Amino acid sequence: MLLLRKMASWLLVAVISFALLEVVLRLLDEIPIHKNPLTGFHKSDPVLGWIGRPNYRARFRGRDYDVAVEYDAQGFRRATMDASEFRQDAKRIVFLGDSVTWGWGLENDETYPEQLQKMLGTGTIVNNFGVNAFGTVQELLVYDNYVQQLNPDVVAIMFVGNDLEDNLDPKDGRRPWAELVDGELIPRNQPVAKSSVGAFKSLTQKSVAFSTLKYTFHIVADSIEKKGPESQEGIKKEVDPAITQQRWQLFGALLAEFHQRCGIQNKNCSLRVIYAAGMHDVRDYESRGESRMATELERICDLEGVAFLNLRSGLFDAWQKSPDKGPNVTPLFFEHDGHMDAAGNLATAQIIFDSWGLMDD
């Protein structure tokens, strides 16, 4: 009995201390902090698997960045321009993608869609519908549920190499996916069977104290384990050619579905695909030929009649113009995880602006 009383007292002290810590942090105007964006900034969604927590603001901190991420009422990165600022006849460009479009390690106004918005002014609305860790299947669902009602003039898919795997990966029941059966596109795990963000993770999103303690724990654990540097591109794995072919066939079917739906909703809508060249793609531009992935992607786009833009040469040119372009430095990308930094996003926006002949008219 005495032991139970002591345990209850310790628990009460811990709860009160934790509550006081929460109050102090909020008085200091602190916001929740996260290391993992997938569980830190998102909530479960039965259609998409996960989506940003609406009207949420928190810090995203890694070895190369410490930024505030802010969402709008729908759960996408909040735009820096208000809808009232645009002309009534404004055109609309929508970007779909994963962490590259979402804006890994970036403030809201540093993402390439927002950088492009600054270039275009009030004559064109640029919407960022990128969601961290999404594949093409999920992007198609975003189009169905959020984009088509906007009747966009341009829908652009930012393609990243891991999209091919993500389209077939159920992520332990947390992700909608699809497969081709006798040439027919079959949706799987729709609605999504398993929650992506559980109760505890949701609590760490709402509590500054909980998120701070969780973040500190992960930092200490990482230092003890002495993990190597993170990499967006990861370790190259040998994949069975049959599996690779299956992935490309599925992507081709998804692209065809995208193209058809865009045309049905708005006959003047232009579907476009952008190849998000990675850090090594850019660094090795002169020493090796075009990547097989970019070549195959362009081939499929040509078959479907979809405009294709490869960022690789443009990013290489931007790198060469950078004052810091040493052999082991690629200033357009974060050093430790390989995602494009603010300079890379600005270069991407400029490449899109120039290649598409965009202007504020």
Protein backbone atom coordinates (compact mmCIF):
# COMPACT_ATOMS: atom_id res chain seq x y z
CA MET A 1 0.00 0.00 0.00
CA LEU A 2 2.82 2.39 0.89
CA LEU A 3 4.51 1.69 -2.43
CA LEU A 4 1.29 2.45 -4.32
CA ARG A 5 0.93 5.77 -2.47
CA LYS A 6 4.50 6.72 -3.35
CA MET A 7 3.94 5.81 -6.99
CA ALA A 8 0.74 7.87 -7.06
CA SER A 9 2.57 10.84 -5.54
CA TRP A 10 5.39 10.58 -8.07
CA LEU A 11 2.85 10.36 -10.87
CA LEU A 12 1.01 13.44 -9.57
CA VAL A 13 4.28 15.39 -9.33
CA ALA A 14 5.19 14.33 -12.88
CA VAL A 15 1.79 15.42 -14.24
CA ILE A 16 1.95 18.79 -12.49
CA SER A 17 5.56 19.36 -13.63
CA PHE A 18 4.64 18.47 -17.17
CA ALA A 19 1.63 20.80 -17.11
CA LEU A 20 3.82 23.63 -15.80
CA LEU A 21 6.38 22.96 -18.54
CA GLU A 22 3.63 23.16 -21.16
CA VAL A 23 2.42 26.49 -19.74
CA VAL A 24 5.93 27.96 -19.64
CA LEU A 25 6.72 26.90 -23.21
CA ARG A 26 3.49 28.40 -24.51
CA LEU A 27 4.11 31.65 -22.59
CA LEU A 28 7.49 31.78 -24.35
CA ASP A 29 5.56 31.49 -27.64
CA GLU A 30 7.16 28.13 -28.46
CA ILE A 31 5.47 25.81 -30.96
CA PRO A 32 5.68 22.00 -31.27
CA ILE A 33 8.89 20.67 -32.80
CA HIS A 34 9.29 17.55 -34.94
CA LYS A 35 12.04 15.53 -36.53
CA ASN A 36 9.83 13.19 -38.57
CA PRO A 37 7.45 15.17 -40.82
CA LEU A 38 5.22 12.21 -41.67
CA THR A 39 4.13 11.63 -38.06
CA GLY A 40 4.82 15.16 -36.87
CA PHE A 41 2.70 17.26 -39.22
CA HIS A 42 0.03 14.93 -40.56
CA LYS A 43 -3.17 13.25 -39.48
CA SER A 44 -4.68 10.02 -40.74
CA ASP A 45 -7.01 10.24 -43.72
CA PRO A 46 -9.16 7.32 -44.96
CA VAL A 47 -8.85 8.40 -48.60
CA LEU A 48 -5.26 9.63 -48.91
CA GLY A 49 -3.65 7.71 -46.05
CA TRP A 50 -2.47 10.93 -44.40
CA ILE A 51 -2.76 14.65 -44.91
CA GLY A 52 -1.47 17.75 -43.15
CA ARG A 53 -3.18 18.71 -39.89
CA PRO A 54 -5.44 21.65 -40.83
CA ASN A 55 -4.39 25.10 -39.62
CA TYR A 56 -1.36 23.60 -37.91
CA ARG A 57 1.99 25.29 -37.30
CA ALA A 58 5.10 23.63 -35.92
CA ARG A 59 8.88 23.53 -36.25
CA PHE A 60 10.66 21.06 -38.51
CA ARG A 61 14.25 20.67 -37.39
CA GLY A 62 17.09 18.63 -38.86
CA ARG A 63 20.84 18.85 -39.20
CA ASP A 64 20.59 21.41 -42.02
CA TYR A 65 17.44 23.37 -41.15
CA ASP A 66 15.14 24.68 -38.45
CA VAL A 67 11.98 26.05 -40.04
CA ALA A 68 8.31 26.68 -39.33
CA VAL A 69 5.81 24.63 -41.34
CA GLU A 70 2.32 26.07 -41.59
CA TYR A 71 -0.81 24.46 -43.08
CA ASP A 72 -4.04 25.92 -44.40
CA ALA A 73 -7.56 24.82 -43.53
CA GLN A 74 -7.36 21.85 -45.94
CA GLY A 75 -4.05 20.53 -44.64
CA PHE A 76 -1.69 21.75 -47.39
CA ARG A 77 1.18 24.22 -47.08
CA ARG A 78 -0.31 27.67 -46.52
CA ALA A 79 0.15 30.04 -49.47
CA THR A 80 1.87 33.36 -48.87
CA MET A 81 -0.64 35.32 -51.00
CA ASP A 82 -4.29 35.66 -50.06
CA ALA A 83 -6.98 34.73 -52.59
CA SER A 84 -8.27 38.32 -52.57
CA GLU A 85 -4.97 39.57 -54.04
CA PHE A 86 -5.40 37.80 -57.39
CA ARG A 87 -7.14 39.14 -60.47
CA GLN A 88 -10.58 37.73 -61.23
CA ASP A 89 -9.33 36.28 -64.52
CA ALA A 90 -6.23 34.72 -62.92
CA LYS A 91 -5.02 31.45 -64.39
CA ARG A 92 -4.24 28.55 -62.06
CA ILE A 93 -1.26 26.19 -61.87
CA VAL A 94 -1.41 23.21 -59.51
CA PHE A 95 1.63 21.24 -58.37
CA LEU A 96 1.37 17.67 -57.07
CA GLY A 97 4.24 15.77 -55.52
CA ASP A 98 5.92 14.43 -52.41
CA SER A 99 8.46 15.98 -50.03
CA VAL A 100 10.19 17.89 -52.85
CA THR A 101 6.97 19.80 -53.58
CA TRP A 102 5.82 19.84 -49.96
CA GLY A 103 8.99 21.73 -49.08
CA TRP A 104 11.36 19.58 -47.00
CA GLY A 105 13.42 21.77 -44.68
CA LEU A 106 11.90 24.99 -46.03
CA GLU A 107 9.80 27.87 -44.79
CA ASN A 108 6.47 28.19 -46.59
CA ASP A 109 7.68 31.00 -48.85
CA GLU A 110 10.83 29.07 -49.89
CA THR A 111 9.13 26.16 -51.70
CA TYR A 112 9.41 26.17 -55.48
CA PRO A 113 5.62 26.71 -55.97
CA GLU A 114 5.81 29.81 -53.77
CA GLN A 115 8.99 31.01 -55.47
CA LEU A 116 7.19 30.65 -58.80
CA GLN A 117 4.19 32.52 -57.38
CA LYS A 118 6.44 35.49 -56.59
CA MET A 119 7.66 35.51 -60.20
CA LEU A 120 4.16 35.34 -61.66
CA GLY A 121 2.41 37.92 -59.50
CA THR A 122 -1.36 38.34 -59.35
CA GLY A 123 -2.19 37.05 -62.84
CA THR A 124 -1.64 33.38 -61.94
CA ILE A 125 -2.58 31.41 -58.83
CA VAL A 126 -0.04 28.72 -57.91
CA ASN A 127 -1.32 25.96 -55.62
CA ASN A 128 0.97 23.59 -53.74
CA PHE A 129 -0.79 20.27 -53.16
CA GLY A 130 2.41 18.38 -52.36
CA VAL A 131 2.26 15.98 -49.40
CA ASN A 132 5.26 14.38 -47.79
CA ALA A 133 5.91 10.74 -48.83
CA PHE A 134 3.08 10.59 -51.42
CA GLY A 135 3.21 8.46 -54.55
CA THR A 136 1.37 8.94 -57.85
CA VAL A 137 -1.65 6.95 -56.66
CA GLN A 138 -2.14 9.35 -53.76
CA GLU A 139 -1.53 12.34 -56.02
CA LEU A 140 -4.35 11.12 -58.30
CA LEU A 141 -6.61 10.95 -55.24
CA VAL A 142 -5.59 14.50 -54.30
CA TYR A 143 -6.57 15.56 -57.81
CA ASP A 144 -9.98 13.88 -57.48
CA ASN A 145 -10.76 15.29 -54.04
CA TYR A 146 -9.14 18.73 -54.03
CA VAL A 147 -7.90 19.84 -57.44
CA GLN A 148 -10.48 19.09 -60.12
CA GLN A 149 -13.05 21.45 -58.59
CA LEU A 150 -10.59 24.32 -59.14
CA ASN A 151 -10.56 23.82 -62.93
CA PRO A 152 -6.81 24.46 -63.18
CA ASP A 153 -5.15 25.53 -66.41
CA VAL A 154 -2.01 23.49 -65.64
CA VAL A 155 -1.59 20.38 -63.49
CA ALA A 156 2.06 19.49 -62.91
CA ILE A 157 3.30 16.26 -61.34
CA MET A 158 6.76 16.50 -59.76
CA PHE A 159 8.13 12.98 -60.29
CA VAL A 160 10.68 11.53 -57.86
CA GLY A 161 12.27 8.12 -58.35
CA ASN A 162 10.73 6.54 -55.26
CA ASP A 163 7.24 7.22 -56.67
CA LEU A 164 7.52 3.99 -58.65
CA GLU A 165 7.91 1.93 -55.48
CA ASP A 166 5.38 3.96 -53.47
CA ASN A 167 2.61 3.26 -55.99
CA LEU A 168 2.79 -0.46 -55.16
CA ASP A 169 3.68 -0.15 -51.46
CA PRO A 170 0.73 -0.39 -49.01
CA LYS A 171 3.01 0.91 -46.23
CA ASP A 172 1.71 -1.70 -43.80
CA GLY A 173 -1.90 -0.86 -44.61
CA ARG A 174 -1.49 2.91 -44.20
CA ARG A 175 -1.23 3.87 -47.88
CA PRO A 176 -3.71 3.53 -50.78
CA TRP A 177 -2.06 1.82 -53.74
CA ALA A 178 -2.98 0.27 -57.07
CA GLU A 179 -2.03 -2.48 -59.49
CA LEU A 180 -2.64 -3.42 -63.08
CA VAL A 181 -4.71 -6.55 -63.65
CA ASP A 182 -5.08 -7.54 -67.32
CA GLY A 183 -4.39 -3.94 -68.28
CA GLU A 184 -7.03 -2.53 -65.91
CA LEU A 185 -6.08 -0.13 -63.11
CA ILE A 186 -7.35 -1.64 -59.85
CA PRO A 187 -7.38 0.46 -56.65
CA ARG A 188 -6.20 -1.32 -53.49
CA ASN A 189 -6.53 -0.48 -49.80
CA GLN A 190 -9.11 2.19 -50.59
CA PRO A 191 -10.38 3.26 -48.10
CA VAL A 192 -7.20 2.94 -46.12
CA ALA A 193 -7.29 0.13 -43.57
CA LYS A 194 -4.82 1.36 -40.96
CA SER A 195 -4.30 4.67 -39.19
CA SER A 196 -1.08 6.49 -40.07
CA VAL A 197 -0.98 8.71 -36.98
CA GLY A 198 -1.97 7.13 -33.68
CA ALA A 199 -3.24 8.77 -30.48
CA PHE A 200 0.22 9.30 -28.93
CA LYS A 201 1.66 10.84 -32.08
CA SER A 202 -1.39 13.08 -32.33
CA LEU A 203 -0.76 14.18 -28.73
CA THR A 204 2.84 15.12 -29.52
CA GLN A 205 1.51 17.34 -32.33
CA LYS A 206 -0.75 19.25 -29.96
CA SER A 207 1.56 19.52 -26.95
CA VAL A 208 4.70 21.66 -27.08
CA ALA A 209 6.13 19.83 -24.06
CA PHE A 210 5.45 16.34 -25.42
CA SER A 211 6.87 17.19 -28.84
CA THR A 212 9.99 18.74 -27.27
CA LEU A 213 10.62 15.68 -25.11
CA LYS A 214 10.04 13.33 -28.05
CA TYR A 215 12.35 15.37 -30.29
CA THR A 216 15.07 15.41 -27.60
CA PHE A 217 14.74 11.64 -27.15
CA HIS A 218 15.20 11.03 -30.88
CA ILE A 219 18.24 13.31 -31.06
CA VAL A 220 19.90 11.55 -28.11
CA ALA A 221 19.03 8.12 -29.54
CA ASP A 222 20.47 9.05 -32.94
CA SER A 223 23.72 10.25 -31.38
CA ILE A 224 24.07 7.04 -29.39
CA GLU A 225 23.43 4.86 -32.44
CA LYS A 226 25.82 7.05 -34.47
CA LYS A 227 23.68 6.89 -37.56
CA GLY A 228 25.24 7.81 -40.87
CA PRO A 229 24.03 10.81 -42.87
CA GLU A 230 20.49 10.71 -44.12
CA SER A 231 19.92 10.62 -47.85
CA GLN A 232 16.87 11.38 -49.92
CA GLU A 233 18.13 9.08 -52.63
CA GLY A 234 19.07 6.31 -50.24
CA ILE A 235 21.10 3.24 -51.00
CA LYS A 236 20.78 2.05 -54.57
CA LYS A 237 19.28 -1.41 -54.62
CA GLU A 238 19.26 -3.88 -57.47
CA VAL A 239 15.67 -4.44 -58.55
CA ASP A 240 14.41 -7.34 -60.63
CA PRO A 241 13.83 -6.03 -64.20
CA ALA A 242 10.37 -7.60 -64.19
CA ILE A 243 9.44 -5.59 -61.09
CA THR A 244 10.86 -2.43 -62.64
CA GLN A 245 8.77 -3.02 -65.76
CA GLN A 246 5.69 -3.60 -63.59
CA ARG A 247 6.28 -0.30 -61.79
CA TRP A 248 6.66 1.64 -65.03
CA GLN A 249 3.56 0.06 -66.54
CA LEU A 250 1.58 1.08 -63.47
CA PHE A 251 2.91 4.63 -63.64
CA GLY A 252 1.98 4.80 -67.34
CA ALA A 253 -1.58 3.71 -66.52
CA LEU A 254 -1.79 6.29 -63.73
CA LEU A 255 -0.51 9.02 -66.05
CA ALA A 256 -3.10 8.05 -68.67
CA GLU A 257 -5.79 8.26 -65.98
CA PHE A 258 -4.51 11.69 -64.96
CA HIS A 259 -4.55 12.86 -68.56
CA GLN A 260 -8.07 11.63 -69.17
CA ARG A 261 -9.48 13.20 -66.01
CA CYS A 262 -7.80 16.54 -66.66
CA GLY A 263 -9.30 16.63 -70.14
CA ILE A 264 -12.79 15.73 -68.92
CA GLN A 265 -12.79 18.43 -66.25
CA ASN A 266 -11.23 21.16 -68.36
CA LYS A 267 -10.50 20.71 -72.07
CA ASN A 268 -7.92 23.48 -71.88
CA CYS A 269 -6.10 21.94 -68.93
CA SER A 270 -2.47 21.04 -69.63
CA LEU A 271 -1.00 18.04 -67.78
CA ARG A 272 2.77 18.18 -67.30
CA VAL A 273 5.42 16.01 -65.65
CA ILE A 274 8.64 17.31 -64.11
CA TYR A 275 11.62 15.11 -63.31
CA ALA A 276 13.08 16.11 -59.95
CA ALA A 277 16.77 15.45 -60.50
CA GLY A 278 18.56 14.43 -57.29
CA MET A 279 21.81 15.72 -55.86
CA HIS A 280 23.97 13.06 -57.56
CA ASP A 281 22.10 13.54 -60.85
CA VAL A 282 23.15 17.17 -60.81
CA ARG A 283 26.67 16.68 -59.48
CA ASP A 284 27.50 13.97 -62.05
CA TYR A 285 25.81 15.67 -65.00
CA GLU A 286 28.98 15.96 -67.09
CA SER A 287 30.53 12.64 -66.11
CA ARG A 288 27.65 10.32 -66.98
CA GLY A 289 24.84 10.24 -69.50
CA GLU A 290 21.17 10.83 -68.90
CA SER A 291 19.69 8.65 -66.19
CA ARG A 292 17.68 5.65 -67.35
CA MET A 293 14.84 6.79 -65.11
CA ALA A 294 14.59 10.20 -66.76
CA THR A 295 14.79 8.62 -70.22
CA GLU A 296 12.01 6.14 -69.46
CA LEU A 297 9.89 8.82 -67.86
CA GLU A 298 10.20 11.01 -70.94
CA ARG A 299 9.31 8.06 -73.18
CA ILE A 300 6.10 7.38 -71.25
CA CYS A 301 5.17 11.06 -71.27
CA ASP A 302 5.66 11.14 -75.05
CA LEU A 303 3.41 8.10 -75.46
CA GLU A 304 0.67 9.77 -73.43
CA GLY A 305 1.12 13.17 -75.08
CA VAL A 306 2.11 14.79 -71.79
CA ALA A 307 4.63 17.64 -71.68
CA PHE A 308 7.87 16.67 -69.94
CA LEU A 309 10.47 18.83 -68.20
CA ASN A 310 13.81 17.48 -66.93
CA LEU A 311 15.32 19.72 -64.25
CA ARG A 312 18.76 18.14 -64.44
CA SER A 313 20.57 20.40 -66.90
CA GLY A 314 18.99 23.55 -65.50
CA LEU A 315 19.98 22.67 -61.95
CA PHE A 316 23.49 21.85 -63.12
CA ASP A 317 23.75 25.27 -64.77
CA ALA A 318 22.51 26.92 -61.58
CA TRP A 319 25.10 24.98 -59.60
CA GLN A 320 27.88 26.11 -61.95
CA LYS A 321 26.85 29.74 -61.46
CA SER A 322 26.95 29.36 -57.68
CA PRO A 323 29.92 30.98 -55.91
CA ASP A 324 30.44 27.75 -53.94
CA LYS A 325 30.66 24.87 -56.40
CA GLY A 326 33.45 22.69 -55.09
CA PRO A 327 33.65 19.02 -56.17
CA ASN A 328 32.08 17.77 -52.95
CA VAL A 329 29.60 20.60 -52.50
CA THR A 330 26.24 20.95 -54.22
CA PRO A 331 24.76 24.11 -52.69
CA LEU A 332 21.34 23.51 -54.24
CA PHE A 333 20.79 20.58 -51.88
CA PHE A 334 20.98 20.02 -48.14
CA GLU A 335 24.28 18.41 -47.27
CA HIS A 336 23.03 15.61 -45.04
CA ASP A 337 19.74 14.39 -46.54
CA GLY A 338 19.91 15.33 -50.21
CA HIS A 339 16.68 17.32 -50.52
CA MET A 340 16.73 20.58 -52.46
CA ASP A 341 17.35 23.61 -50.29
CA ALA A 342 15.92 27.11 -50.76
CA ALA A 343 18.44 27.91 -53.53
CA GLY A 344 17.51 24.67 -55.32
CA ASN A 345 13.83 25.52 -55.07
CA LEU A 346 14.45 29.00 -56.43
CA ALA A 347 16.42 27.51 -59.34
CA THR A 348 13.59 25.02 -59.94
CA ALA A 349 11.02 27.80 -60.03
CA GLN A 350 13.17 29.74 -62.51
CA ILE A 351 13.61 26.70 -64.76
CA ILE A 352 9.84 26.15 -64.81
CA PHE A 353 9.19 29.84 -65.46
CA ASP A 354 11.64 29.94 -68.38
CA SER A 355 10.78 26.53 -69.88
CA TRP A 356 7.03 27.05 -69.85
CA GLY A 357 7.22 30.63 -71.12
CA LEU A 358 5.24 31.89 -68.16
CA MET A 359 4.58 35.55 -67.54
CA ASP A 360 2.20 37.68 -65.54
CA ASP A 361 -0.14 38.89 -68.30
